[in-house]
Each structure stands twice: as C-alpha cells, then as structure tokens.
Amino acid sequence: MKLIIAGVGPGDPALVPPAVVSAAREADLVLEPRSHDGKPSVAGAALRANLSGLELTPLTFPMVRDAERRDAALLEQLLAIRPKWEDAATALLPVIGDSALYATGAYLHDVWRTLTPLELELIPGISAHSLAASCAGRFLALGEEVLCVVPGTAPRERVEAALRAADVAALYKPSALGDDLREVVTRAGPWRDVVRVDRAGLSDERVLVGDEALNRPDEYLSLLLLWRAA
C-alpha cells in the first residue's frame, strides 16, 4: 500500500496544493488527523472545502511527548480501522503546513509499516514560516543570512543556542516555552524585528509586532519570526 502524506498548507482552502486535491480524490482511504476526539481538524476542513462529499476517517494523534504512549494509541486505532485499509492501494493523510517539516505523519508511517509493507509519498505544502513571513509582509532571509528553524518544544538551552546562531529565526510552537519565551528570546538577541503570527491563513489570524509578540502565547498554531539587529 502507498501512504501519501500531503501538506495542505496553513488551513486556508485556497492554499491547498492542487496535487493534494487530486491525490485525495483518487485515494482509497483519506484520514482526518485530530489532536483530540471530537475536536475539529484544520487539515480535514481545508480538504473538505475543496472536495465536497469527501469521506474522511478520523485518526487521533495524542499530543504527548511520550513516544511509546503515542505509538500505542496510533497502533490501536490502525487495528480498529483495519478493514478500511487492508485491501487499499492508497491511503492519504493531510497535514497542516508542509509534509516533510514537523509533520505528525512521520509517526503514523513508522507505526503503520509494522503492520504492512508501505510505500511512502510526500506531497509538499506551504510551510508555516513561509506563510507567517508573507502574512507579516516581510522577506524572510536574504543573501548570506543564516535562517534557523527552531522548535519551541526543544530544551531551553538548545532553543537559545539555535537562536544565537541565527541571523533570522523561525520559532515554531513558541507557546511551549510558556513564561520563559521572553527571557530566552531576549538573551539570544539583540533583534531588529520581532513578529508573531497566530493562526496564520485562517479567518482569525493575528499578527503581533515588537514587545507584544513576546507575551506568552496560548495559541498552538503560532510562530515567532526574529531578525537580528546589525
């Protein structure tokens, strides 16, 4: 079976790549990633808006750092829906952003291939840092500037070290740093520009600039962009 992990971009239906729409139309099984049971799926909604009547099968990705617990939950669900995929030629998982960058589909692939041989295909989508820069109307990096993409979920010292090495930084999931966000970013500066984009590409998008951008974000779909002072 071929597993297609497809990046649908930020969640704006207009930014879903045509290749993803075509692949979903042809797939035998289309999954709908959810973070919690019953919680709406941004990726699923973006895909449905492009394919009316599309049937999606929910699959919950536990938002935990315990890999064993996460993988066990995925395995349990795959076994429960086995009748839907055991004779399928293709299955597709839409993911927010780009399929090759911080995509939860990688965890699903690793678990699923313990049950059956899998061929993997990745369809790229618009990455969160590219979208955030566009929403803010800023060029992300130019010339010889070093761009660092940093997960806020990493240990604090690694986050700070990566920011110190960057001319331009894209900090994913800044909410994971909690009340330490301002201190970590400030220590790694100085910064010429600081911009935070919450829920980029969605109807309730917010762009925060300067000091306000370093207030503790409660939004999971958030990204902080930093440009070093000369």
Protein backbone atom coordinates (compact mmCIF):
# COMPACT_ATOMS: atom_id res chain seq x y z
CA MET A 1 0.00 0.00 0.00
CA LYS A 2 1.12 3.55 -0.66
CA LEU A 3 0.81 6.04 2.19
CA ILE A 4 0.60 9.62 0.93
CA ILE A 5 1.37 12.33 3.48
CA ALA A 6 0.09 15.54 1.95
CA GLY A 7 0.83 19.07 3.14
CA VAL A 8 -2.33 21.16 2.87
CA GLY A 9 -0.65 24.42 3.92
CA PRO A 10 -1.94 26.64 6.72
CA GLY A 11 -5.60 25.64 6.64
CA ASP A 12 -6.84 28.19 4.10
CA PRO A 13 -8.71 26.08 1.50
CA ALA A 14 -7.43 28.38 -1.26
CA LEU A 15 -3.83 27.41 -0.43
CA VAL A 16 -4.27 23.63 -0.60
CA PRO A 17 -1.97 22.41 -3.43
CA PRO A 18 -3.85 21.03 -6.49
CA ALA A 19 -1.71 17.88 -6.27
CA VAL A 20 -3.17 17.17 -2.82
CA VAL A 21 -6.74 17.58 -4.08
CA SER A 22 -6.07 15.20 -6.98
CA ALA A 23 -4.43 12.61 -4.71
CA ALA A 24 -7.28 12.77 -2.19
CA ARG A 25 -9.82 12.32 -4.96
CA GLU A 26 -8.09 9.11 -6.11
CA ALA A 27 -7.16 7.64 -2.70
CA ASP A 28 -8.95 4.57 -1.37
CA LEU A 29 -8.77 5.91 2.18
CA VAL A 30 -8.42 9.50 3.38
CA LEU A 31 -7.64 10.01 7.05
CA GLU A 32 -8.52 13.06 9.14
CA PRO A 33 -5.88 13.93 11.76
CA ARG A 34 -7.23 15.18 15.07
CA SER A 35 -5.46 16.26 18.23
CA HIS A 36 -8.38 15.23 20.48
CA ASP A 37 -11.53 13.21 19.99
CA GLY A 38 -14.28 15.46 18.73
CA LYS A 39 -12.02 18.45 18.08
CA PRO A 40 -12.33 19.85 14.53
CA SER A 41 -9.45 19.09 12.18
CA VAL A 42 -7.96 22.11 10.40
CA ALA A 43 -6.36 19.89 7.76
CA GLY A 44 -9.56 17.95 7.24
CA ALA A 45 -11.66 21.11 6.90
CA ALA A 46 -9.28 22.55 4.29
CA LEU A 47 -9.50 19.36 2.25
CA ARG A 48 -13.29 19.07 2.55
CA ALA A 49 -13.67 22.62 1.26
CA ASN A 50 -12.00 21.52 -1.98
CA LEU A 51 -13.77 18.15 -2.31
CA SER A 52 -17.44 18.21 -1.37
CA GLY A 53 -18.74 14.87 -0.16
CA LEU A 54 -15.27 13.56 0.64
CA GLU A 55 -15.35 10.78 3.24
CA LEU A 56 -12.64 11.06 5.88
CA THR A 57 -11.77 8.56 8.59
CA PRO A 58 -10.78 10.24 11.91
CA LEU A 59 -7.41 9.39 13.43
CA THR A 60 -6.40 10.97 16.73
CA PHE A 61 -2.75 11.91 17.30
CA PRO A 62 -2.20 12.16 21.07
CA MET A 63 -0.49 15.46 21.92
CA VAL A 64 2.05 13.84 24.24
CA ARG A 65 5.84 13.67 24.36
CA ASP A 66 5.83 10.01 25.42
CA ALA A 67 6.64 8.22 22.15
CA GLU A 68 5.55 4.81 23.43
CA ARG A 69 2.18 6.12 24.51
CA ARG A 70 1.71 7.98 21.22
CA ASP A 71 2.66 4.98 19.09
CA ALA A 72 0.48 2.62 21.12
CA ALA A 73 -2.53 4.90 20.57
CA LEU A 74 -1.88 5.05 16.83
CA LEU A 75 -1.44 1.28 16.61
CA GLU A 76 -4.70 0.67 18.45
CA GLN A 77 -6.57 2.93 16.02
CA LEU A 78 -4.97 1.37 12.93
CA LEU A 79 -6.02 -2.08 14.11
CA ALA A 80 -9.55 -0.81 14.73
CA ILE A 81 -9.88 0.51 11.15
CA ARG A 82 -8.00 -2.37 9.53
CA PRO A 83 -10.98 -3.39 7.35
CA LYS A 84 -10.76 0.04 5.69
CA TRP A 85 -7.12 -0.23 4.68
CA GLU A 86 -6.10 -3.88 4.40
CA ASP A 87 -7.22 -4.08 0.75
CA ALA A 88 -6.50 -0.43 -0.12
CA ALA A 89 -3.92 0.56 -2.73
CA THR A 90 -3.50 4.12 -1.41
CA ALA A 91 -4.18 5.93 1.87
CA LEU A 92 -3.76 9.68 2.32
CA LEU A 93 -3.12 11.73 5.44
CA PRO A 94 -3.47 15.52 5.10
CA VAL A 95 -1.22 17.50 7.45
CA ILE A 96 -1.02 21.19 8.25
CA GLY A 97 1.90 23.05 6.67
CA ASP A 98 4.49 21.02 4.77
CA SER A 99 4.56 17.23 4.72
CA ALA A 100 8.32 16.99 5.40
CA LEU A 101 8.67 19.51 8.26
CA TYR A 102 7.46 18.71 11.79
CA ALA A 103 4.69 16.58 10.26
CA THR A 104 2.97 14.06 12.54
CA GLY A 105 2.57 11.80 9.51
CA ALA A 106 6.09 10.52 10.13
CA TYR A 107 4.93 8.88 13.38
CA LEU A 108 1.99 7.27 11.62
CA HIS A 109 4.26 5.90 8.88
CA ASP A 110 6.62 4.31 11.39
CA VAL A 111 3.78 2.59 13.26
CA TRP A 112 1.81 1.53 10.18
CA ARG A 113 4.73 -0.19 8.50
CA THR A 114 4.96 -2.60 11.42
CA LEU A 115 1.60 -3.95 10.26
CA THR A 116 2.05 -3.97 6.48
CA PRO A 117 4.63 -3.05 3.81
CA LEU A 118 4.32 0.63 2.91
CA GLU A 119 5.47 2.83 0.05
CA LEU A 120 5.79 6.45 1.16
CA GLU A 121 4.95 9.53 -0.91
CA LEU A 122 5.22 13.12 0.32
CA ILE A 123 3.33 15.99 -1.29
CA PRO A 124 4.73 19.35 -0.16
CA GLY A 125 2.63 22.21 1.18
CA ILE A 126 3.28 25.79 2.28
CA SER A 127 5.41 25.77 5.44
CA ALA A 128 4.31 27.78 8.47
CA HIS A 129 7.36 30.07 8.45
CA SER A 130 6.91 30.97 4.77
CA LEU A 131 3.25 31.74 5.35
CA ALA A 132 3.93 33.75 8.52
CA ALA A 133 6.51 35.91 6.73
CA SER A 134 4.02 36.52 3.92
CA CYS A 135 1.27 37.44 6.39
CA ALA A 136 3.66 39.91 8.03
CA GLY A 137 4.77 41.32 4.67
CA ARG A 138 8.43 40.60 5.40
CA PHE A 139 11.20 38.93 3.40
CA LEU A 140 12.35 36.01 5.49
CA ALA A 141 16.06 35.82 4.65
CA LEU A 142 18.31 37.38 2.02
CA GLY A 143 21.80 36.88 0.62
CA GLU A 144 24.09 35.16 3.11
CA GLU A 145 21.76 35.41 6.09
CA VAL A 146 21.51 32.20 8.09
CA LEU A 147 17.92 31.09 8.68
CA CYS A 148 17.28 28.74 11.59
CA VAL A 149 14.04 26.82 12.08
CA VAL A 150 13.70 26.05 15.79
CA PRO A 151 11.08 24.01 17.68
CA GLY A 152 9.96 25.63 20.91
CA THR A 153 9.45 22.13 22.29
CA ALA A 154 13.22 21.55 22.43
CA PRO A 155 15.12 22.02 25.72
CA ARG A 156 15.51 25.70 26.61
CA GLU A 157 19.30 25.70 26.22
CA ARG A 158 19.07 24.21 22.71
CA VAL A 159 16.46 26.75 21.67
CA GLU A 160 18.62 29.62 22.90
CA ALA A 161 21.76 28.22 21.24
CA ALA A 162 19.99 27.87 17.90
CA LEU A 163 18.61 31.41 18.11
CA ARG A 164 22.07 32.78 18.90
CA ALA A 165 23.43 31.15 15.73
CA ALA A 166 20.75 32.68 13.50
CA ASP A 167 20.55 35.89 11.51
CA VAL A 168 16.87 35.10 11.04
CA ALA A 169 14.91 32.59 13.11
CA ALA A 170 11.53 30.93 12.83
CA LEU A 171 10.47 29.64 16.24
CA TYR A 172 7.73 27.02 15.95
CA LYS A 173 5.33 26.41 18.85
CA PRO A 174 6.55 29.35 20.98
CA SER A 175 3.72 28.55 23.39
CA ALA A 176 5.77 25.54 24.54
CA LEU A 177 8.25 27.94 26.16
CA GLY A 178 5.49 29.38 28.33
CA ASP A 179 6.61 32.22 30.58
CA ASP A 180 10.24 31.66 29.54
CA LEU A 181 9.62 32.85 25.96
CA ARG A 182 10.57 36.49 26.53
CA GLU A 183 13.69 35.67 28.53
CA VAL A 184 15.00 33.05 26.07
CA VAL A 185 14.45 35.27 23.03
CA THR A 186 15.89 38.38 24.71
CA ARG A 187 19.05 36.57 25.85
CA ALA A 188 19.66 35.32 22.31
CA GLY A 189 19.29 38.82 20.79
CA PRO A 190 19.51 41.64 20.06
CA TRP A 191 16.76 41.56 17.41
CA ARG A 192 15.88 44.23 14.88
CA ASP A 193 12.38 42.93 14.29
CA VAL A 194 10.16 40.56 16.24
CA VAL A 195 6.88 39.32 14.73
CA ARG A 196 4.47 36.66 15.95
CA VAL A 197 1.72 35.28 13.76
CA ASP A 198 -1.12 33.33 15.37
CA ARG A 199 -3.42 31.12 13.26
CA ALA A 200 -1.82 32.24 10.02
CA GLY A 201 -4.05 31.96 6.97
CA LEU A 202 -7.23 31.42 8.99
CA SER A 203 -10.13 33.83 9.47
CA ASP A 204 -8.98 34.81 12.98
CA GLU A 205 -5.32 35.37 12.06
CA ARG A 206 -3.38 37.78 14.28
CA VAL A 207 -0.05 39.50 13.60
CA LEU A 208 1.75 40.87 16.67
CA VAL A 209 4.82 43.08 16.34
CA GLY A 210 7.57 44.09 18.75
CA ASP A 211 7.29 43.68 22.50
CA GLU A 212 3.71 42.41 22.30
CA ALA A 213 4.90 39.45 20.22
CA LEU A 214 6.87 38.15 23.23
CA ASN A 215 3.86 37.93 25.53
CA ARG A 216 3.08 34.33 26.43
CA PRO A 217 1.07 32.85 23.52
CA ASP A 218 -1.74 30.45 24.35
CA GLU A 219 -2.36 29.55 20.71
CA TYR A 220 -0.89 26.26 19.45
CA LEU A 221 -0.91 27.45 15.82
CA SER A 222 1.59 30.22 16.46
CA LEU A 223 5.00 31.09 15.05
CA LEU A 224 7.59 33.70 16.07
CA LEU A 225 9.87 35.32 13.49
CA LEU A 226 13.07 37.09 14.54
CA TRP A 227 15.52 39.24 12.53
CA ARG A 228 18.86 40.00 14.18
CA ALA A 229 19.97 43.58 14.67
CA ALA A 230 23.01 44.57 12.59
